[in-house]
Amino acid sequence: MFYTWYPTSIAASALNVNIMLEVQVGGKRVGLLKNKAGVIYAFSALCPHSGAPLCEGWLDGRGHIVCPLHKYKFDPKNGYNSTGEGYKLRTYMVDVREDVIFIGLTADSNDQPSPIS
């Protein structure tokens, strides 16, 4: 798969642990999250169910993103919907180079809400 890599506007060292932050990358709204181990995840900043802003939500006890609107939960590692409603959150590749967070987007990085088939 071919990725186009876009730098974000925030340094990896400036990203707070377990606090979601929305950035604009390649014309997309992307959420960033750094866990306690320092791993950074990137995901669509909009809920795949209703388009709610996920960075206004919170993390549950397992580190899953909770949508502020309908409380759907998503694993930031793979976008899996852990509450079973059948939606999948788009996730993106992340690479950190000299403290700069880069997000890898593909030509098919479509963030429109859609259920899993």
N, C-alpha and C. Protein backbone atom coordinates (compact mmCIF):
# COMPACT_ATOMS: atom_id res chain seq x y z
N MET A 1 0.84 -1.17 0.00
CA MET A 1 0.00 0.00 0.00
C MET A 1 0.90 1.24 0.00
N PHE A 2 0.52 2.23 -0.77
CA PHE A 2 1.29 3.46 -0.90
C PHE A 2 0.72 4.53 0.03
N TYR A 3 1.58 5.13 0.85
CA TYR A 3 1.17 6.19 1.78
C TYR A 3 1.80 7.51 1.38
N THR A 4 1.02 8.56 1.55
CA THR A 4 1.56 9.90 1.49
C THR A 4 1.67 10.35 2.93
N TRP A 5 2.87 10.76 3.34
CA TRP A 5 3.12 11.10 4.73
C TRP A 5 3.01 12.61 4.94
N TYR A 6 2.22 12.99 5.93
CA TYR A 6 2.00 14.40 6.26
C TYR A 6 2.47 14.68 7.68
N PRO A 7 3.24 15.74 7.86
CA PRO A 7 3.65 16.11 9.23
C PRO A 7 2.47 16.77 9.95
N THR A 8 2.39 16.56 11.24
CA THR A 8 1.36 17.22 12.04
C THR A 8 1.93 18.50 12.64
N SER A 9 1.06 19.27 13.22
CA SER A 9 1.47 20.56 13.79
C SER A 9 1.90 20.46 15.25
N ILE A 10 1.94 19.23 15.80
CA ILE A 10 2.33 19.06 17.20
C ILE A 10 3.49 18.08 17.29
N ALA A 11 4.42 18.36 18.16
CA ALA A 11 5.56 17.47 18.39
C ALA A 11 5.13 16.28 19.24
N ALA A 12 5.76 15.16 19.02
CA ALA A 12 5.43 13.95 19.80
C ALA A 12 5.63 14.20 21.29
N SER A 13 6.68 14.93 21.63
CA SER A 13 6.95 15.21 23.04
C SER A 13 5.93 16.15 23.68
N ALA A 14 5.21 16.91 22.87
CA ALA A 14 4.20 17.85 23.38
C ALA A 14 2.82 17.20 23.53
N LEU A 15 2.66 16.00 23.00
CA LEU A 15 1.37 15.29 23.08
C LEU A 15 1.22 14.69 24.47
N ASN A 16 0.20 15.08 25.19
CA ASN A 16 -0.02 14.58 26.56
C ASN A 16 -0.56 13.16 26.54
N VAL A 17 -0.15 12.36 27.49
CA VAL A 17 -0.58 10.97 27.61
C VAL A 17 -2.09 10.90 27.90
N ASN A 18 -2.78 10.04 27.16
CA ASN A 18 -4.21 9.76 27.32
C ASN A 18 -5.12 10.97 27.14
N ILE A 19 -4.64 11.97 26.40
CA ILE A 19 -5.46 13.14 26.06
C ILE A 19 -5.55 13.18 24.53
N MET A 20 -6.76 13.13 24.00
CA MET A 20 -6.95 13.17 22.56
C MET A 20 -6.85 14.60 22.06
N LEU A 21 -6.25 14.74 20.88
CA LEU A 21 -6.06 16.05 20.28
C LEU A 21 -6.38 15.94 18.80
N GLU A 22 -7.16 16.89 18.29
CA GLU A 22 -7.49 16.90 16.86
C GLU A 22 -6.55 17.82 16.11
N VAL A 23 -6.08 17.36 14.94
CA VAL A 23 -5.24 18.15 14.05
C VAL A 23 -5.79 18.01 12.63
N GLN A 24 -5.40 18.93 11.77
CA GLN A 24 -5.72 18.85 10.34
C GLN A 24 -4.51 18.28 9.62
N VAL A 25 -4.72 17.22 8.86
CA VAL A 25 -3.63 16.57 8.12
C VAL A 25 -4.14 16.19 6.74
N GLY A 26 -3.50 16.70 5.71
CA GLY A 26 -3.90 16.35 4.35
C GLY A 26 -5.36 16.63 4.06
N GLY A 27 -5.90 17.69 4.66
CA GLY A 27 -7.30 18.04 4.46
C GLY A 27 -8.27 17.22 5.28
N LYS A 28 -7.77 16.42 6.21
CA LYS A 28 -8.62 15.57 7.04
C LYS A 28 -8.52 15.96 8.50
N ARG A 29 -9.59 15.71 9.22
CA ARG A 29 -9.60 15.89 10.67
C ARG A 29 -9.11 14.58 11.29
N VAL A 30 -7.95 14.63 11.93
CA VAL A 30 -7.32 13.43 12.49
C VAL A 30 -7.15 13.60 13.99
N GLY A 31 -7.53 12.57 14.74
CA GLY A 31 -7.32 12.56 16.18
C GLY A 31 -6.00 11.89 16.49
N LEU A 32 -5.31 12.40 17.49
CA LEU A 32 -4.06 11.81 17.96
C LEU A 32 -4.22 11.41 19.42
N LEU A 33 -3.58 10.32 19.79
CA LEU A 33 -3.63 9.83 21.16
C LEU A 33 -2.31 9.14 21.47
N LYS A 34 -1.70 9.51 22.60
CA LYS A 34 -0.47 8.84 23.05
C LYS A 34 -0.80 8.08 24.33
N ASN A 35 -0.48 6.77 24.35
CA ASN A 35 -0.77 5.99 25.55
C ASN A 35 0.39 6.07 26.54
N LYS A 36 0.24 5.40 27.68
CA LYS A 36 1.25 5.46 28.75
C LYS A 36 2.60 4.92 28.31
N ALA A 37 2.60 3.98 27.35
CA ALA A 37 3.85 3.41 26.86
C ALA A 37 4.52 4.31 25.82
N GLY A 38 3.86 5.43 25.46
CA GLY A 38 4.42 6.36 24.49
C GLY A 38 4.05 6.07 23.05
N VAL A 39 3.19 5.07 22.82
CA VAL A 39 2.74 4.75 21.46
C VAL A 39 1.70 5.78 21.04
N ILE A 40 1.86 6.31 19.83
CA ILE A 40 0.94 7.31 19.30
C ILE A 40 0.03 6.66 18.27
N TYR A 41 -1.27 6.91 18.42
CA TYR A 41 -2.27 6.41 17.48
C TYR A 41 -2.90 7.58 16.76
N ALA A 42 -3.28 7.37 15.50
CA ALA A 42 -3.98 8.38 14.71
C ALA A 42 -5.26 7.75 14.19
N PHE A 43 -6.34 8.51 14.21
CA PHE A 43 -7.65 7.99 13.82
C PHE A 43 -8.50 9.13 13.29
N SER A 44 -9.56 8.78 12.58
CA SER A 44 -10.48 9.81 12.12
C SER A 44 -11.04 10.52 13.34
N ALA A 45 -11.05 11.84 13.30
CA ALA A 45 -11.53 12.62 14.44
C ALA A 45 -13.05 12.63 14.52
N LEU A 46 -13.72 12.02 13.52
CA LEU A 46 -15.17 11.99 13.49
C LEU A 46 -15.68 10.57 13.70
N CYS A 47 -16.69 10.42 14.53
CA CYS A 47 -17.28 9.11 14.79
C CYS A 47 -17.85 8.55 13.48
N PRO A 48 -17.58 7.28 13.17
CA PRO A 48 -18.10 6.69 11.93
C PRO A 48 -19.61 6.49 11.97
N HIS A 49 -20.23 6.59 13.13
CA HIS A 49 -21.67 6.43 13.23
C HIS A 49 -22.41 7.71 12.90
N SER A 50 -22.04 8.80 13.59
CA SER A 50 -22.83 10.03 13.44
C SER A 50 -22.00 11.28 13.14
N GLY A 51 -20.69 11.13 13.05
CA GLY A 51 -19.84 12.28 12.75
C GLY A 51 -19.52 13.16 13.94
N ALA A 52 -19.80 12.68 15.15
CA ALA A 52 -19.50 13.47 16.35
C ALA A 52 -17.98 13.61 16.51
N PRO A 53 -17.52 14.71 17.10
CA PRO A 53 -16.08 14.92 17.30
C PRO A 53 -15.54 14.04 18.42
N LEU A 54 -14.79 13.01 18.06
CA LEU A 54 -14.32 12.02 19.04
C LEU A 54 -13.35 12.61 20.06
N CYS A 55 -12.61 13.64 19.70
CA CYS A 55 -11.65 14.22 20.65
C CYS A 55 -12.35 14.98 21.77
N GLU A 56 -13.66 15.16 21.66
CA GLU A 56 -14.45 15.73 22.75
C GLU A 56 -14.97 14.64 23.68
N GLY A 57 -14.69 13.39 23.33
CA GLY A 57 -15.07 12.25 24.16
C GLY A 57 -14.02 11.98 25.21
N TRP A 58 -13.90 10.74 25.64
CA TRP A 58 -12.96 10.36 26.69
C TRP A 58 -12.50 8.93 26.45
N LEU A 59 -11.58 8.47 27.28
CA LEU A 59 -11.10 7.09 27.21
C LEU A 59 -11.73 6.30 28.33
N ASP A 60 -12.12 5.05 28.04
CA ASP A 60 -12.64 4.20 29.10
C ASP A 60 -11.47 3.52 29.81
N GLY A 61 -11.74 2.63 30.72
CA GLY A 61 -10.72 1.96 31.51
C GLY A 61 -9.78 1.10 30.70
N ARG A 62 -10.19 0.68 29.50
CA ARG A 62 -9.34 -0.13 28.63
C ARG A 62 -8.57 0.71 27.61
N GLY A 63 -8.74 2.03 27.68
CA GLY A 63 -8.06 2.90 26.74
C GLY A 63 -8.79 3.06 25.43
N HIS A 64 -10.07 2.67 25.39
CA HIS A 64 -10.86 2.82 24.18
C HIS A 64 -11.50 4.20 24.14
N ILE A 65 -11.61 4.74 22.94
CA ILE A 65 -12.20 6.06 22.73
C ILE A 65 -13.72 5.94 22.86
N VAL A 66 -14.32 6.81 23.67
CA VAL A 66 -15.77 6.81 23.86
C VAL A 66 -16.33 8.05 23.15
N CYS A 67 -17.24 7.82 22.21
CA CYS A 67 -17.87 8.91 21.49
C CYS A 67 -18.74 9.73 22.46
N PRO A 68 -18.64 11.06 22.41
CA PRO A 68 -19.40 11.89 23.34
C PRO A 68 -20.90 11.92 23.05
N LEU A 69 -21.31 11.50 21.87
CA LEU A 69 -22.73 11.59 21.50
C LEU A 69 -23.53 10.35 21.90
N HIS A 70 -23.13 9.18 21.42
CA HIS A 70 -23.90 7.96 21.69
C HIS A 70 -23.13 6.93 22.51
N LYS A 71 -21.93 7.27 22.95
CA LYS A 71 -21.11 6.42 23.83
C LYS A 71 -20.59 5.16 23.15
N TYR A 72 -20.54 5.13 21.81
CA TYR A 72 -19.91 4.01 21.12
C TYR A 72 -18.43 4.04 21.49
N LYS A 73 -17.81 2.86 21.56
CA LYS A 73 -16.40 2.76 21.95
C LYS A 73 -15.57 2.16 20.83
N PHE A 74 -14.36 2.73 20.65
CA PHE A 74 -13.48 2.29 19.58
C PHE A 74 -12.06 2.10 20.11
N ASP A 75 -11.43 1.01 19.67
CA ASP A 75 -10.04 0.74 20.03
C ASP A 75 -9.15 1.59 19.13
N PRO A 76 -8.32 2.47 19.69
CA PRO A 76 -7.49 3.34 18.84
C PRO A 76 -6.41 2.59 18.06
N LYS A 77 -6.10 1.35 18.45
CA LYS A 77 -5.08 0.57 17.75
C LYS A 77 -5.54 0.14 16.36
N ASN A 78 -6.82 -0.27 16.27
CA ASN A 78 -7.31 -0.85 15.02
C ASN A 78 -8.69 -0.37 14.60
N GLY A 79 -9.31 0.51 15.37
CA GLY A 79 -10.62 1.05 15.04
C GLY A 79 -11.79 0.14 15.38
N TYR A 80 -11.51 -1.02 15.99
CA TYR A 80 -12.56 -1.97 16.32
C TYR A 80 -13.60 -1.35 17.25
N ASN A 81 -14.87 -1.54 16.92
CA ASN A 81 -15.98 -1.03 17.72
C ASN A 81 -16.26 -2.05 18.83
N SER A 82 -15.80 -1.75 20.04
CA SER A 82 -15.88 -2.72 21.14
C SER A 82 -17.24 -2.79 21.81
N THR A 83 -18.17 -1.92 21.44
CA THR A 83 -19.53 -2.01 22.00
C THR A 83 -20.48 -2.71 21.05
N GLY A 84 -20.02 -3.15 19.89
CA GLY A 84 -20.76 -4.04 19.03
C GLY A 84 -21.79 -3.45 18.08
N GLU A 85 -21.75 -2.15 17.83
CA GLU A 85 -22.75 -1.56 16.94
C GLU A 85 -22.46 -1.78 15.46
N GLY A 86 -21.28 -2.29 15.13
CA GLY A 86 -20.98 -2.61 13.74
C GLY A 86 -20.25 -1.53 12.96
N TYR A 87 -19.81 -0.48 13.61
CA TYR A 87 -19.06 0.56 12.93
C TYR A 87 -17.57 0.39 13.22
N LYS A 88 -16.74 0.80 12.27
CA LYS A 88 -15.29 0.72 12.46
C LYS A 88 -14.72 2.12 12.27
N LEU A 89 -13.86 2.51 13.19
CA LEU A 89 -13.19 3.80 13.14
C LEU A 89 -11.97 3.68 12.24
N ARG A 90 -11.83 4.61 11.30
CA ARG A 90 -10.66 4.59 10.43
C ARG A 90 -9.43 4.98 11.25
N THR A 91 -8.39 4.19 11.13
CA THR A 91 -7.12 4.49 11.79
C THR A 91 -6.06 4.73 10.71
N TYR A 92 -5.01 5.43 11.09
CA TYR A 92 -3.96 5.80 10.15
C TYR A 92 -2.60 5.35 10.67
N MET A 93 -1.66 5.17 9.74
CA MET A 93 -0.29 4.85 10.09
C MET A 93 0.37 6.07 10.71
N VAL A 94 1.25 5.83 11.70
CA VAL A 94 1.98 6.90 12.37
C VAL A 94 3.47 6.61 12.32
N ASP A 95 4.24 7.63 12.06
CA ASP A 95 5.70 7.53 12.11
C ASP A 95 6.21 8.79 12.80
N VAL A 96 7.11 8.63 13.76
CA VAL A 96 7.69 9.77 14.46
C VAL A 96 9.14 9.89 14.03
N ARG A 97 9.48 11.06 13.48
CA ARG A 97 10.83 11.32 13.00
C ARG A 97 11.32 12.62 13.66
N GLU A 98 12.35 12.51 14.47
CA GLU A 98 12.94 13.67 15.14
C GLU A 98 11.86 14.50 15.85
N ASP A 99 10.98 13.83 16.57
CA ASP A 99 9.92 14.42 17.38
C ASP A 99 8.75 14.97 16.57
N VAL A 100 8.78 14.81 15.24
CA VAL A 100 7.66 15.24 14.40
C VAL A 100 6.78 14.02 14.13
N ILE A 101 5.47 14.17 14.36
CA ILE A 101 4.52 13.09 14.10
C ILE A 101 4.08 13.19 12.64
N PHE A 102 4.27 12.10 11.90
CA PHE A 102 3.81 12.02 10.51
C PHE A 102 2.65 11.02 10.44
N ILE A 103 1.64 11.37 9.66
CA ILE A 103 0.48 10.51 9.45
C ILE A 103 0.49 10.04 8.00
N GLY A 104 0.34 8.73 7.81
CA GLY A 104 0.30 8.15 6.47
C GLY A 104 -1.12 8.01 5.98
N LEU A 105 -1.44 8.70 4.89
CA LEU A 105 -2.76 8.62 4.28
C LEU A 105 -2.65 7.91 2.94
N THR A 106 -3.68 7.16 2.60
CA THR A 106 -3.74 6.50 1.30
C THR A 106 -4.75 7.23 0.43
N ALA A 107 -4.74 6.90 -0.85
CA ALA A 107 -5.66 7.55 -1.79
C ALA A 107 -7.11 7.27 -1.43
N ASP A 108 -7.38 6.16 -0.72
CA ASP A 108 -8.75 5.80 -0.36
C ASP A 108 -9.10 6.19 1.08
N SER A 109 -8.37 7.12 1.68
CA SER A 109 -8.63 7.54 3.05
C SER A 109 -9.91 8.35 3.11
N ASN A 110 -11.03 7.65 3.01
CA ASN A 110 -12.35 8.27 3.02
C ASN A 110 -12.91 8.16 4.43
N ASP A 111 -13.29 9.27 5.02
CA ASP A 111 -13.73 9.28 6.39
C ASP A 111 -15.24 9.40 6.55
N GLN A 112 -16.00 9.04 5.54
CA GLN A 112 -17.44 9.12 5.64
C GLN A 112 -17.95 8.00 6.54
N PRO A 113 -18.96 8.27 7.40
CA PRO A 113 -19.51 7.21 8.24
C PRO A 113 -20.04 6.06 7.41
N SER A 114 -19.67 4.84 7.77
CA SER A 114 -20.16 3.67 7.07
C SER A 114 -20.08 2.45 7.98
N PRO A 115 -21.12 1.62 7.96
CA PRO A 115 -21.10 0.40 8.79
C PRO A 115 -20.17 -0.64 8.20
N ILE A 116 -19.71 -1.56 9.03
CA ILE A 116 -18.91 -2.68 8.56
C ILE A 116 -19.82 -3.62 7.78
N SER A 117 -19.36 -4.08 6.65
CA SER A 117 -20.17 -5.02 5.83
C SER A 117 -20.15 -6.41 6.41
